[in-house]
Amino acid sequence: MSNIITLPSLRVNPDNVNHHLWNNNGTWFLHYTVYPTSFTKERIRRSLGTKIVEVARDRRDAFFLQLTGQKTASVRQTAVA
């Protein structure tokens, strides 16, 4: 059994403040892709439970910060291209 360490990677277009956000009939969703194995991928959509884009951005940023284990800073500032 191998000891593989997985680290989150985030691709962000700095010109798009709504990266990873998807509006479905007025409700904002977080949309991202995970790669459980090197041969498969899975697209995930999670409701952010809001119709306000600013709240959706804050919730998206909080989710990605939790995912990466960071405590502060905005995903918009720390994104990896």
Protein backbone atom coordinates (compact mmCIF):
# COMPACT_ATOMS: atom_id res chain seq x y z
CA MET A 1 0.00 0.00 0.00
CA SER A 2 1.40 3.38 -0.95
CA ASN A 3 1.40 6.48 1.20
CA ILE A 4 -0.08 9.04 -1.15
CA ILE A 5 -0.72 12.50 0.21
CA THR A 6 -3.39 14.49 -1.54
CA LEU A 7 -3.44 18.26 -1.46
CA PRO A 8 -6.26 20.46 -2.70
CA SER A 9 -5.56 22.42 -5.82
CA LEU A 10 -7.67 25.34 -6.92
CA ARG A 11 -7.72 26.92 -10.37
CA VAL A 12 -9.15 30.41 -10.41
CA ASN A 13 -9.57 32.95 -13.17
CA PRO A 14 -8.71 36.23 -11.38
CA ASP A 15 -10.98 38.15 -13.75
CA ASN A 16 -14.03 36.14 -12.65
CA VAL A 17 -15.16 37.03 -9.11
CA ASN A 18 -17.86 34.35 -9.37
CA HIS A 19 -15.47 31.46 -9.98
CA HIS A 20 -16.89 28.11 -8.87
CA LEU A 21 -20.35 29.65 -8.48
CA TRP A 22 -23.39 28.53 -10.45
CA ASN A 23 -26.81 30.18 -10.37
CA ASN A 24 -29.65 27.68 -10.62
CA ASN A 25 -33.01 29.45 -10.85
CA GLY A 26 -31.91 32.17 -8.44
CA THR A 27 -30.14 29.99 -5.87
CA TRP A 28 -26.34 29.99 -5.85
CA PHE A 29 -24.43 26.70 -5.85
CA LEU A 30 -20.77 25.85 -5.36
CA HIS A 31 -19.51 23.88 -8.36
CA TYR A 32 -16.17 22.06 -8.28
CA THR A 33 -14.48 18.87 -9.48
CA VAL A 34 -12.71 16.23 -7.40
CA TYR A 35 -10.45 13.44 -8.63
CA PRO A 36 -10.90 10.40 -6.34
CA THR A 37 -8.43 8.39 -8.43
CA SER A 38 -6.05 9.30 -11.22
CA PHE A 39 -8.53 7.82 -13.69
CA THR A 40 -11.82 9.29 -12.50
CA LYS A 41 -13.35 12.64 -11.72
CA GLU A 42 -16.55 13.73 -10.07
CA ARG A 43 -18.34 17.05 -10.46
CA ILE A 44 -19.85 18.32 -7.24
CA ARG A 45 -22.58 20.93 -6.88
CA ARG A 46 -23.56 22.05 -3.39
CA SER A 47 -26.28 24.55 -2.62
CA LEU A 48 -25.04 27.62 -0.81
CA GLY A 49 -28.58 28.32 0.35
CA THR A 50 -28.72 31.92 -0.78
CA LYS A 51 -29.99 34.07 -3.60
CA ILE A 52 -27.51 36.86 -2.80
CA VAL A 53 -24.28 36.64 -4.81
CA GLU A 54 -22.17 38.41 -2.16
CA VAL A 55 -23.25 35.88 0.49
CA ALA A 56 -22.55 33.05 -1.97
CA ARG A 57 -19.01 34.37 -2.53
CA ASP A 58 -18.37 34.50 1.23
CA ARG A 59 -19.67 30.96 1.70
CA ARG A 60 -17.60 29.70 -1.26
CA ASP A 61 -14.48 31.32 0.18
CA ALA A 62 -15.16 29.84 3.62
CA PHE A 63 -15.61 26.37 2.09
CA PHE A 64 -12.34 26.52 0.17
CA LEU A 65 -10.46 27.91 3.17
CA GLN A 66 -11.74 25.03 5.28
CA LEU A 67 -10.77 22.59 2.53
CA THR A 68 -7.21 23.89 2.39
CA GLY A 69 -6.89 24.17 6.16
CA GLN A 70 -6.21 27.91 6.10
CA LYS A 71 -7.52 30.12 8.85
CA THR A 72 -7.52 33.54 7.21
CA ALA A 73 -7.15 35.30 3.86
CA SER A 74 -9.47 35.22 0.92
CA VAL A 75 -9.44 32.45 -1.66
CA ARG A 76 -9.38 35.25 -4.22
CA GLN A 77 -5.98 36.30 -2.85
CA THR A 78 -4.43 32.86 -2.29
CA ALA A 79 -5.66 31.02 -5.37
CA VAL A 80 -3.25 28.85 -7.31
CA ALA A 81 -3.41 29.30 -11.07
